[in-house]
C-alpha atoms as a PDB file:
ATOM      1  CA  MET A   1       0.000   0.000   0.000  1.00  0.00           C
ATOM      2  CA  ALA A   2       1.135   3.488  -0.670  1.00  0.00           C
ATOM      3  CA  ALA A   3      -0.283   6.935  -0.048  1.00  0.00           C
ATOM      4  CA  ARG A   4       0.619  10.425  -1.090  1.00  0.00           C
ATOM      5  CA  ALA A   5       2.759  12.291   1.440  1.00  0.00           C
ATOM      6  CA  ASP A   6      -0.129  14.604   2.296  1.00  0.00           C
ATOM      7  CA  GLN A   7      -2.250  11.561   3.247  1.00  0.00           C
ATOM      8  CA  LYS A   8       0.316   9.757   5.426  1.00  0.00           C
ATOM      9  CA  ASP A   9      -1.593  10.632   8.611  1.00  0.00           C
ATOM     10  CA  ASN A  10      -5.024   9.701   7.227  1.00  0.00           C
ATOM     11  CA  ALA A  11      -6.696   7.709  10.020  1.00  0.00           C
ATOM     12  CA  ASP A  12      -8.596   5.471   7.586  1.00  0.00           C
ATOM     13  CA  TYR A  13      -5.417   4.540   5.718  1.00  0.00           C
ATOM     14  CA  GLN A  14      -3.594   3.854   8.969  1.00  0.00           C
ATOM     15  CA  LYS A  15      -6.403   1.552  10.103  1.00  0.00           C
ATOM     16  CA  VAL A  16      -6.236  -0.426   6.839  1.00  0.00           C
ATOM     17  CA  VAL A  17      -2.458  -0.774   7.218  1.00  0.00           C
ATOM     18  CA  ARG A  18      -2.829  -2.020  10.815  1.00  0.00           C
ATOM     19  CA  LEU A  19      -5.477  -4.534   9.784  1.00  0.00           C
ATOM     20  CA  TYR A  20      -3.462  -5.769   6.808  1.00  0.00           C
ATOM     21  CA  ALA A  21      -0.378  -6.173   9.011  1.00  0.00           C
ATOM     22  CA  SER A  22      -2.277  -8.240  11.591  1.00  0.00           C
ATOM     23  CA  ARG A  23      -1.145 -11.815  12.139  1.00  0.00           C
ATOM     24  CA  ALA A  24      -4.514 -13.240  11.022  1.00  0.00           C
ATOM     25  CA  VAL A  25      -4.471 -11.400   7.703  1.00  0.00           C
ATOM     26  CA  GLN A  26      -0.795 -12.147   7.060  1.00  0.00           C
ATOM     27  CA  ASP A  27      -1.314 -15.836   7.830  1.00  0.00           C
ATOM     28  CA  GLU A  28      -4.176 -15.944   5.329  1.00  0.00           C
ATOM     29  CA  VAL A  29      -2.159 -14.063   2.690  1.00  0.00           C
ATOM     30  CA  ARG A  30       0.683 -16.568   3.032  1.00  0.00           C
ATOM     31  CA  ARG A  31      -1.747 -19.501   2.958  1.00  0.00           C
ATOM     32  CA  THR A  32      -3.614 -18.349  -0.139  1.00  0.00           C
ATOM     33  CA  SER A  33      -0.405 -17.431  -1.963  1.00  0.00           C
ATOM     34  CA  ASN A  34       1.197 -20.778  -1.147  1.00  0.00           C
ATOM     35  CA  GLY A  35       3.861 -18.940   0.834  1.00  0.00           C
ATOM     36  CA  THR A  36       4.948 -16.629  -1.971  1.00  0.00           C
ATOM     37  CA  ALA A  37       3.603 -13.376  -0.483  1.00  0.00           C
ATOM     38  CA  HIS A  38       5.270 -11.645   2.454  1.00  0.00           C
ATOM     39  CA  HIS A  39       4.527  -8.419   4.290  1.00  0.00           C
ATOM     40  CA  VAL A  40       7.449  -6.004   4.054  1.00  0.00           C
ATOM     41  CA  GLU A  41       7.626  -2.456   5.323  1.00  0.00           C
ATOM     42  CA  LEU A  42      10.002  -0.225   3.390  1.00  0.00           C
ATOM     43  CA  PRO A  43      10.428   3.520   3.129  1.00  0.00           C
ATOM     44  CA  ALA A  44       9.279   4.801  -0.273  1.00  0.00           C
ATOM     45  CA  ALA A  45      12.831   5.472  -1.464  1.00  0.00           C
ATOM     46  CA  ASP A  46      13.928   1.931  -0.601  1.00  0.00           C
ATOM     47  CA  LEU A  47      10.874   0.476  -2.306  1.00  0.00           C
ATOM     48  CA  GLN A  48      11.587   2.485  -5.460  1.00  0.00           C
ATOM     49  CA  ALA A  49      15.209   1.320  -5.450  1.00  0.00           C
ATOM     50  CA  GLU A  50      14.074  -2.302  -5.104  1.00  0.00           C
ATOM     51  CA  VAL A  51      11.604  -1.946  -7.990  1.00  0.00           C
ATOM     52  CA  GLU A  52      14.358  -0.502 -10.168  1.00  0.00           C
ATOM     53  CA  ARG A  53      16.738  -3.335  -9.189  1.00  0.00           C
ATOM     54  CA  ILE A  54      14.161  -5.970 -10.122  1.00  0.00           C
ATOM     55  CA  GLN A  55      13.295  -4.235 -13.393  1.00  0.00           C
ATOM     56  CA  LYS A  56      16.981  -4.180 -14.289  1.00  0.00           C
ATOM     57  CA  GLN A  57      17.249  -7.924 -13.630  1.00  0.00           C
ATOM     58  CA  LEU A  58      14.204  -8.639 -15.765  1.00  0.00           C
ATOM     59  CA  ARG A  59      15.688  -6.758 -18.709  1.00  0.00           C
ATOM     60  CA  ARG A  60      18.735  -9.056 -18.857  1.00  0.00           C
END
C-alpha cells in the first residue's frame, strides 16, 4: 500500500495498514499465496530502489 505524502496521517489509511499487518491477515495471505507473499515495510525510497533493481534484472 502506498499513499501520497499529504495523506500519510489519514486515520482510515492507517487503520487499513494495521489490519493488513495483523497476524490473522498475514497468515491468510501466506496460505492463499502458497507462501509466496510476504509483508514487508520499506520507506518509499527503498521500495523504489528495489523496484528498479528488479526491473533491471528482468531486462537481462
